[in-house]
Amino acid sequence: MPKYYPVMLDIRGRKAVVIGGDRVAAQKAAALTASGADVSVIGQQFCDELLQQAAHHRVKLVCKSYEPGDLAGAFVVIAATSDPQMIEAIWAETQERGQLVNIVDVPERCTFIMPSVLRRDQLTIAVSTEGASPSLAKRIRQRLEDYFPPAYGSYMRLAALARTHLRQQGVSYEKRDDFFEDYFTSPILSLLGENDVKQATTLTSALLQRYGVAVPAEELEAELAKEIEGVSDAV
């Protein structure tokens, strides 16, 4: 049997429709919103989580029962319903429109399935059992949280800054790959985990110097602070 094809989907600014009003629908809506989608939720009743999301202008609530035609313009559709007739109607409309659709717990009526996701800022780790056991995927993802602590967010941003400087100085791909081997095996992640940003940027500056790239540690520290501040402002 063919395997699923894993992709990272850019849904920023695209219309997404969630059908349902319970906590499952709220979770799906929150995940779509966090990825930048323009989310509308269709349902006859809404749980407290969805009402709070709407109060913060994160989603638009449409108080009605789903009807064919409600999915016009949607890039992606997620339905949290167990109504067989509604499931078939949603499936038919999305197939006619060529839309991406996920009907929760009904894999035969999905054009995609969602993994359990661990995010550390720019680092995303997705765990999937291809629908065989979502609960097991969740527990595997929870176990991975111990191996990928929150400091990975700053660690990835500092790596991205280093990569920018390496590219600007014309360092070859092969040499950049060698740099990141050194970066990965260094204590930089541990230092960031201890909130010792100064020492982490000092060590990164020294690593860059080995590859002919002179960037003062103070400059890297300022750039990293600006990056982290930008993330905080966005949230």
C-alpha atoms as a PDB file:
ATOM      1  CA  MET A   1       0.000   0.000   0.000  1.00  0.00           C
ATOM      2  CA  PRO A   2       1.412   3.448  -0.920  1.00  0.00           C
ATOM      3  CA  LYS A   3       2.544   5.604   1.987  1.00  0.00           C
ATOM      4  CA  TYR A   4       1.405   9.125   2.720  1.00  0.00           C
ATOM      5  CA  TYR A   5       3.516  11.880   1.186  1.00  0.00           C
ATOM      6  CA  PRO A   6       4.671  14.249   3.976  1.00  0.00           C
ATOM      7  CA  VAL A   7       4.585  17.974   3.210  1.00  0.00           C
ATOM      8  CA  MET A   8       4.700  21.297   5.056  1.00  0.00           C
ATOM      9  CA  LEU A   9       1.743  23.340   3.836  1.00  0.00           C
ATOM     10  CA  ASP A  10       1.783  27.142   3.613  1.00  0.00           C
ATOM     11  CA  ILE A  11      -1.721  28.303   4.568  1.00  0.00           C
ATOM     12  CA  ARG A  12      -0.863  31.870   5.529  1.00  0.00           C
ATOM     13  CA  GLY A  13      -3.685  34.178   4.479  1.00  0.00           C
ATOM     14  CA  ARG A  14      -5.689  31.335   2.959  1.00  0.00           C
ATOM     15  CA  LYS A  15      -9.290  30.592   3.855  1.00  0.00           C
ATOM     16  CA  ALA A  16      -9.856  27.566   6.068  1.00  0.00           C
ATOM     17  CA  VAL A  17     -13.240  26.230   7.159  1.00  0.00           C
ATOM     18  CA  VAL A  18     -13.818  24.131  10.256  1.00  0.00           C
ATOM     19  CA  ILE A  19     -17.181  22.416  10.644  1.00  0.00           C
ATOM     20  CA  GLY A  20     -18.250  21.625  14.192  1.00  0.00           C
ATOM     21  CA  GLY A  21     -18.435  23.415  17.505  1.00  0.00           C
ATOM     22  CA  ASP A  22     -16.876  21.114  20.115  1.00  0.00           C
ATOM     23  CA  ARG A  23     -13.393  21.021  21.666  1.00  0.00           C
ATOM     24  CA  VAL A  24     -12.026  18.959  18.772  1.00  0.00           C
ATOM     25  CA  ALA A  25     -13.166  21.661  16.356  1.00  0.00           C
ATOM     26  CA  ALA A  26     -11.591  24.263  18.643  1.00  0.00           C
ATOM     27  CA  GLN A  27      -8.254  22.434  18.562  1.00  0.00           C
ATOM     28  CA  LYS A  28      -8.318  22.240  14.776  1.00  0.00           C
ATOM     29  CA  ALA A  29      -9.258  25.909  14.470  1.00  0.00           C
ATOM     30  CA  ALA A  30      -6.463  26.952  16.848  1.00  0.00           C
ATOM     31  CA  ALA A  31      -3.881  24.956  14.893  1.00  0.00           C
ATOM     32  CA  LEU A  32      -4.977  26.527  11.602  1.00  0.00           C
ATOM     33  CA  THR A  33      -4.928  30.009  13.105  1.00  0.00           C
ATOM     34  CA  ALA A  34      -1.432  29.438  14.530  1.00  0.00           C
ATOM     35  CA  SER A  35      -0.257  28.716  10.982  1.00  0.00           C
ATOM     36  CA  GLY A  36      -1.710  31.977   9.665  1.00  0.00           C
ATOM     37  CA  ALA A  37      -4.942  30.778   8.055  1.00  0.00           C
ATOM     38  CA  ASP A  38      -8.107  32.890   7.850  1.00  0.00           C
ATOM     39  CA  VAL A  39     -10.425  30.572   9.789  1.00  0.00           C
ATOM     40  CA  SER A  40     -14.211  30.344   9.770  1.00  0.00           C
ATOM     41  CA  VAL A  41     -16.030  27.842  11.979  1.00  0.00           C
ATOM     42  CA  ILE A  42     -19.487  26.616  11.016  1.00  0.00           C
ATOM     43  CA  GLY A  43     -21.660  25.119  13.744  1.00  0.00           C
ATOM     44  CA  GLN A  44     -24.979  25.374  15.534  1.00  0.00           C
ATOM     45  CA  GLN A  45     -23.371  25.617  18.975  1.00  0.00           C
ATOM     46  CA  PHE A  46     -19.847  26.535  20.066  1.00  0.00           C
ATOM     47  CA  CYS A  47     -17.760  25.432  23.041  1.00  0.00           C
ATOM     48  CA  ASP A  48     -16.095  27.930  25.375  1.00  0.00           C
ATOM     49  CA  GLU A  49     -12.735  27.527  23.631  1.00  0.00           C
ATOM     50  CA  LEU A  50     -14.183  28.593  20.291  1.00  0.00           C
ATOM     51  CA  LEU A  51     -16.050  31.499  21.888  1.00  0.00           C
ATOM     52  CA  GLN A  52     -12.772  32.686  23.396  1.00  0.00           C
ATOM     53  CA  GLN A  53     -10.990  32.380  20.054  1.00  0.00           C
ATOM     54  CA  ALA A  54     -13.718  34.471  18.447  1.00  0.00           C
ATOM     55  CA  ALA A  55     -13.551  37.044  21.263  1.00  0.00           C
ATOM     56  CA  HIS A  56      -9.856  37.494  20.488  1.00  0.00           C
ATOM     57  CA  HIS A  57     -10.652  37.824  16.757  1.00  0.00           C
ATOM     58  CA  ARG A  58      -8.734  34.662  15.888  1.00  0.00           C
ATOM     59  CA  VAL A  59     -11.662  32.930  14.167  1.00  0.00           C
ATOM     60  CA  LYS A  60     -15.007  33.861  12.681  1.00  0.00           C
ATOM     61  CA  LEU A  61     -17.991  31.891  13.993  1.00  0.00           C
ATOM     62  CA  VAL A  62     -20.860  31.159  11.618  1.00  0.00           C
ATOM     63  CA  CYS A  63     -23.872  29.948  13.607  1.00  0.00           C
ATOM     64  CA  LYS A  64     -25.691  27.601  11.256  1.00  0.00           C
ATOM     65  CA  SER A  65     -25.827  24.008  10.137  1.00  0.00           C
ATOM     66  CA  TYR A  66     -23.503  23.126   7.258  1.00  0.00           C
ATOM     67  CA  GLU A  67     -25.092  23.215   3.805  1.00  0.00           C
ATOM     68  CA  PRO A  68     -23.549  22.464   0.396  1.00  0.00           C
ATOM     69  CA  GLY A  69     -22.042  25.682  -0.917  1.00  0.00           C
ATOM     70  CA  ASP A  70     -20.652  26.777   2.452  1.00  0.00           C
ATOM     71  CA  LEU A  71     -17.137  25.713   1.457  1.00  0.00           C
ATOM     72  CA  ALA A  72     -16.776  28.080  -1.497  1.00  0.00           C
ATOM     73  CA  GLY A  73     -13.328  29.673  -1.551  1.00  0.00           C
ATOM     74  CA  ALA A  74     -11.835  27.446   1.132  1.00  0.00           C
ATOM     75  CA  PHE A  75      -8.301  26.163   0.607  1.00  0.00           C
ATOM     76  CA  VAL A  76      -8.561  23.579   3.370  1.00  0.00           C
ATOM     77  CA  VAL A  77     -11.551  22.060   5.174  1.00  0.00           C
ATOM     78  CA  ILE A  78     -11.644  20.204   8.486  1.00  0.00           C
ATOM     79  CA  ALA A  79     -14.861  18.657   9.791  1.00  0.00           C
ATOM     80  CA  ALA A  80     -15.437  17.380  13.318  1.00  0.00           C
ATOM     81  CA  THR A  81     -18.739  15.586  12.923  1.00  0.00           C
ATOM     82  CA  SER A  82     -20.104  12.059  13.207  1.00  0.00           C
ATOM     83  CA  ASP A  83     -23.223  12.711  11.107  1.00  0.00           C
ATOM     84  CA  PRO A  84     -22.971  10.272   8.141  1.00  0.00           C
ATOM     85  CA  GLN A  85     -25.064  12.409   5.801  1.00  0.00           C
ATOM     86  CA  MET A  86     -23.068  15.545   6.604  1.00  0.00           C
ATOM     87  CA  ILE A  87     -19.796  13.660   6.138  1.00  0.00           C
ATOM     88  CA  GLU A  88     -20.822  12.504   2.673  1.00  0.00           C
ATOM     89  CA  ALA A  89     -22.066  15.978   1.719  1.00  0.00           C
ATOM     90  CA  ILE A  90     -18.799  17.603   2.844  1.00  0.00           C
ATOM     91  CA  TRP A  91     -16.776  14.958   1.024  1.00  0.00           C
ATOM     92  CA  ALA A  92     -18.780  15.455  -2.167  1.00  0.00           C
ATOM     93  CA  GLU A  93     -18.421  19.239  -2.105  1.00  0.00           C
ATOM     94  CA  THR A  94     -14.685  19.198  -1.405  1.00  0.00           C
ATOM     95  CA  GLN A  95     -14.088  16.654  -4.169  1.00  0.00           C
ATOM     96  CA  GLU A  96     -16.062  18.756  -6.616  1.00  0.00           C
ATOM     97  CA  ARG A  97     -14.055  21.845  -5.673  1.00  0.00           C
ATOM     98  CA  GLY A  98     -10.686  20.077  -5.449  1.00  0.00           C
ATOM     99  CA  GLN A  99     -10.193  21.130  -1.828  1.00  0.00           C
ATOM    100  CA  LEU A 100      -8.008  19.599   0.843  1.00  0.00           C
ATOM    101  CA  VAL A 101     -10.245  17.943   3.418  1.00  0.00           C
ATOM    102  CA  ASN A 102      -9.883  16.134   6.711  1.00  0.00           C
ATOM    103  CA  ILE A 103     -12.905  14.594   8.402  1.00  0.00           C
ATOM    104  CA  VAL A 104     -11.860  13.700  11.922  1.00  0.00           C
ATOM    105  CA  ASP A 105     -11.695   9.943  12.596  1.00  0.00           C
ATOM    106  CA  VAL A 106     -12.924   9.097   9.082  1.00  0.00           C
ATOM    107  CA  PRO A 107      -9.670   8.432   7.155  1.00  0.00           C
ATOM    108  CA  GLU A 108     -11.458   7.142   4.067  1.00  0.00           C
ATOM    109  CA  ARG A 109     -12.993  10.591   3.703  1.00  0.00           C
ATOM    110  CA  CYS A 110      -9.730  12.529   4.021  1.00  0.00           C
ATOM    111  CA  THR A 111      -7.328  13.786   1.389  1.00  0.00           C
ATOM    112  CA  PHE A 112      -4.805  14.441   4.171  1.00  0.00           C
ATOM    113  CA  ILE A 113      -4.250  13.440   7.766  1.00  0.00           C
ATOM    114  CA  MET A 114      -2.654  15.500  10.517  1.00  0.00           C
ATOM    115  CA  PRO A 115       0.325  14.304  12.528  1.00  0.00           C
ATOM    116  CA  SER A 116       0.987  15.022  16.183  1.00  0.00           C
ATOM    117  CA  VAL A 117       3.201  18.110  16.103  1.00  0.00           C
ATOM    118  CA  LEU A 118       5.980  19.359  18.357  1.00  0.00           C
ATOM    119  CA  ARG A 119       7.025  22.957  17.684  1.00  0.00           C
ATOM    120  CA  ARG A 120      10.084  24.751  18.938  1.00  0.00           C
ATOM    121  CA  ASP A 121       9.792  28.069  17.089  1.00  0.00           C
ATOM    122  CA  GLN A 122      11.293  27.326  13.649  1.00  0.00           C
ATOM    123  CA  LEU A 123      11.765  23.639  14.443  1.00  0.00           C
ATOM    124  CA  THR A 124       8.754  21.458  13.646  1.00  0.00           C
ATOM    125  CA  ILE A 125       8.679  17.735  14.387  1.00  0.00           C
ATOM    126  CA  ALA A 126       5.689  15.774  13.132  1.00  0.00           C
ATOM    127  CA  VAL A 127       4.838  12.247  14.252  1.00  0.00           C
ATOM    128  CA  SER A 128       2.398  10.167  12.246  1.00  0.00           C
ATOM    129  CA  THR A 129       1.212   6.576  12.408  1.00  0.00           C
ATOM    130  CA  GLU A 130      -0.622   7.125   9.082  1.00  0.00           C
ATOM    131  CA  GLY A 131      -3.926   7.047  10.935  1.00  0.00           C
ATOM    132  CA  ALA A 132      -3.314   3.693  12.630  1.00  0.00           C
ATOM    133  CA  SER A 133      -3.098   5.131  16.153  1.00  0.00           C
ATOM    134  CA  PRO A 134      -3.278   8.923  16.651  1.00  0.00           C
ATOM    135  CA  SER A 135      -3.151   8.426  20.426  1.00  0.00           C
ATOM    136  CA  LEU A 136       0.162   6.574  20.122  1.00  0.00           C
ATOM    137  CA  ALA A 137       1.532   9.305  17.860  1.00  0.00           C
ATOM    138  CA  LYS A 138       0.600  11.833  20.553  1.00  0.00           C
ATOM    139  CA  ARG A 139       2.507   9.890  23.213  1.00  0.00           C
ATOM    140  CA  ILE A 140       5.574   9.545  20.987  1.00  0.00           C
ATOM    141  CA  ARG A 141       5.488  13.297  20.407  1.00  0.00           C
ATOM    142  CA  GLN A 142       5.235  13.880  24.175  1.00  0.00           C
ATOM    143  CA  ARG A 143       8.300  11.692  24.706  1.00  0.00           C
ATOM    144  CA  LEU A 144      10.219  13.753  22.141  1.00  0.00           C
ATOM    145  CA  GLU A 145       9.559  16.911  24.161  1.00  0.00           C
ATOM    146  CA  ASP A 146      12.253  15.751  26.585  1.00  0.00           C
ATOM    147  CA  TYR A 147      14.785  15.478  23.759  1.00  0.00           C
ATOM    148  CA  PHE A 148      13.896  18.812  22.174  1.00  0.00           C
ATOM    149  CA  PRO A 149      13.567  21.378  24.998  1.00  0.00           C
ATOM    150  CA  PRO A 150      12.203  24.915  24.497  1.00  0.00           C
ATOM    151  CA  ALA A 151      15.764  26.238  24.062  1.00  0.00           C
ATOM    152  CA  TYR A 152      15.674  24.736  20.560  1.00  0.00           C
ATOM    153  CA  GLY A 153      13.745  27.829  19.456  1.00  0.00           C
ATOM    154  CA  SER A 154      16.670  30.171  20.159  1.00  0.00           C
ATOM    155  CA  TYR A 155      19.106  27.481  18.996  1.00  0.00           C
ATOM    156  CA  MET A 156      17.454  27.343  15.567  1.00  0.00           C
ATOM    157  CA  ARG A 157      17.299  31.119  15.258  1.00  0.00           C
ATOM    158  CA  LEU A 158      20.971  31.469  16.115  1.00  0.00           C
ATOM    159  CA  ALA A 159      21.764  28.772  13.539  1.00  0.00           C
ATOM    160  CA  ALA A 160      19.755  30.686  10.933  1.00  0.00           C
ATOM    161  CA  LEU A 161      21.719  33.867  11.697  1.00  0.00           C
ATOM    162  CA  ALA A 162      24.996  31.971  11.359  1.00  0.00           C
ATOM    163  CA  ARG A 163      23.845  30.514   8.028  1.00  0.00           C
ATOM    164  CA  THR A 164      23.046  34.009   6.741  1.00  0.00           C
ATOM    165  CA  HIS A 165      26.544  35.242   7.585  1.00  0.00           C
ATOM    166  CA  LEU A 166      28.152  32.154   6.021  1.00  0.00           C
ATOM    167  CA  ARG A 167      26.207  32.647   2.789  1.00  0.00           C
ATOM    168  CA  GLN A 168      26.911  36.381   2.651  1.00  0.00           C
ATOM    169  CA  GLN A 169      30.629  35.639   2.894  1.00  0.00           C
ATOM    170  CA  GLY A 170      30.407  33.090   0.060  1.00  0.00           C
ATOM    171  CA  VAL A 171      31.234  30.028   2.159  1.00  0.00           C
ATOM    172  CA  SER A 172      30.563  26.899   0.079  1.00  0.00           C
ATOM    173  CA  TYR A 173      27.720  24.508   0.813  1.00  0.00           C
ATOM    174  CA  GLU A 174      30.191  21.791   1.835  1.00  0.00           C
ATOM    175  CA  LYS A 175      31.927  24.097   4.302  1.00  0.00           C
ATOM    176  CA  ARG A 176      28.593  25.296   5.660  1.00  0.00           C
ATOM    177  CA  ASP A 177      27.642  21.667   6.254  1.00  0.00           C
ATOM    178  CA  ASP A 178      30.913  21.195   8.180  1.00  0.00           C
ATOM    179  CA  PHE A 179      30.126  24.307  10.228  1.00  0.00           C
ATOM    180  CA  PHE A 180      26.762  22.952  11.298  1.00  0.00           C
ATOM    181  CA  GLU A 181      28.326  19.643  12.300  1.00  0.00           C
ATOM    182  CA  ASP A 182      30.527  21.653  14.663  1.00  0.00           C
ATOM    183  CA  TYR A 183      27.542  23.749  15.758  1.00  0.00           C
ATOM    184  CA  PHE A 184      25.447  20.649  16.470  1.00  0.00           C
ATOM    185  CA  THR A 185      28.137  18.947  18.558  1.00  0.00           C
ATOM    186  CA  SER A 186      28.990  22.113  20.496  1.00  0.00           C
ATOM    187  CA  PRO A 187      27.513  23.054  23.921  1.00  0.00           C
ATOM    188  CA  ILE A 188      25.573  25.974  22.391  1.00  0.00           C
ATOM    189  CA  LEU A 189      22.168  24.346  22.999  1.00  0.00           C
ATOM    190  CA  SER A 190      23.020  23.651  26.647  1.00  0.00           C
ATOM    191  CA  LEU A 191      24.173  27.241  27.108  1.00  0.00           C
ATOM    192  CA  LEU A 192      20.906  28.578  25.682  1.00  0.00           C
ATOM    193  CA  GLY A 193      19.003  26.179  27.930  1.00  0.00           C
ATOM    194  CA  GLU A 194      20.774  27.842  30.866  1.00  0.00           C
ATOM    195  CA  ASN A 195      19.842  31.294  29.443  1.00  0.00           C
ATOM    196  CA  ASP A 196      23.544  32.034  28.897  1.00  0.00           C
ATOM    197  CA  VAL A 197      23.004  33.822  25.599  1.00  0.00           C
ATOM    198  CA  LYS A 198      26.255  35.753  25.851  1.00  0.00           C
ATOM    199  CA  GLN A 199      28.396  32.616  26.040  1.00  0.00           C
ATOM    200  CA  ALA A 200      26.330  30.890  23.329  1.00  0.00           C
ATOM    201  CA  THR A 201      26.840  33.772  20.891  1.00  0.00           C
ATOM    202  CA  THR A 202      30.517  34.019  21.844  1.00  0.00           C
ATOM    203  CA  LEU A 203      30.995  30.359  20.974  1.00  0.00           C
ATOM    204  CA  THR A 204      29.037  30.762  17.723  1.00  0.00           C
ATOM    205  CA  SER A 205      31.205  33.743  16.796  1.00  0.00           C
ATOM    206  CA  ALA A 206      34.321  31.661  17.421  1.00  0.00           C
ATOM    207  CA  LEU A 207      32.969  28.832  15.242  1.00  0.00           C
ATOM    208  CA  LEU A 208      32.241  31.279  12.425  1.00  0.00           C
ATOM    209  CA  GLN A 209      35.784  32.623  12.715  1.00  0.00           C
ATOM    210  CA  ARG A 210      37.107  29.111  12.002  1.00  0.00           C
ATOM    211  CA  TYR A 211      35.372  29.282   8.632  1.00  0.00           C
ATOM    212  CA  GLY A 212      36.692  32.729   7.769  1.00  0.00           C
ATOM    213  CA  VAL A 213      33.602  34.676   8.825  1.00  0.00           C
ATOM    214  CA  ALA A 214      34.238  37.489  11.307  1.00  0.00           C
ATOM    215  CA  VAL A 215      31.083  38.410  13.229  1.00  0.00           C
ATOM    216  CA  PRO A 216      31.483  39.920  16.715  1.00  0.00           C
ATOM    217  CA  ALA A 217      29.660  38.047  19.471  1.00  0.00           C
ATOM    218  CA  GLU A 218      27.934  41.289  20.480  1.00  0.00           C
ATOM    219  CA  GLU A 219      26.478  41.614  16.973  1.00  0.00           C
ATOM    220  CA  LEU A 220      25.154  38.042  17.030  1.00  0.00           C
ATOM    221  CA  GLU A 221      23.655  38.587  20.467  1.00  0.00           C
ATOM    222  CA  ALA A 222      21.874  41.749  19.293  1.00  0.00           C
ATOM    223  CA  GLU A 223      20.601  40.010  16.157  1.00  0.00           C
ATOM    224  CA  LEU A 224      19.306  37.070  18.183  1.00  0.00           C
ATOM    225  CA  ALA A 225      17.561  39.371  20.659  1.00  0.00           C
ATOM    226  CA  LYS A 226      15.871  41.157  17.763  1.00  0.00           C
ATOM    227  CA  GLU A 227      14.726  37.843  16.265  1.00  0.00           C
ATOM    228  CA  ILE A 228      13.290  36.620  19.567  1.00  0.00           C
ATOM    229  CA  GLU A 229      11.582  39.980  20.171  1.00  0.00           C
ATOM    230  CA  GLY A 230       9.985  39.747  16.733  1.00  0.00           C
ATOM    231  CA  VAL A 231       8.547  36.318  17.575  1.00  0.00           C
ATOM    232  CA  SER A 232       7.133  37.637  20.877  1.00  0.00           C
ATOM    233  CA  ASP A 233       5.498  40.579  19.124  1.00  0.00           C
ATOM    234  CA  ALA A 234       3.928  38.275  16.528  1.00  0.00           C
ATOM    235  CA  VAL A 235       2.420  36.074  19.257  1.00  0.00           C
END
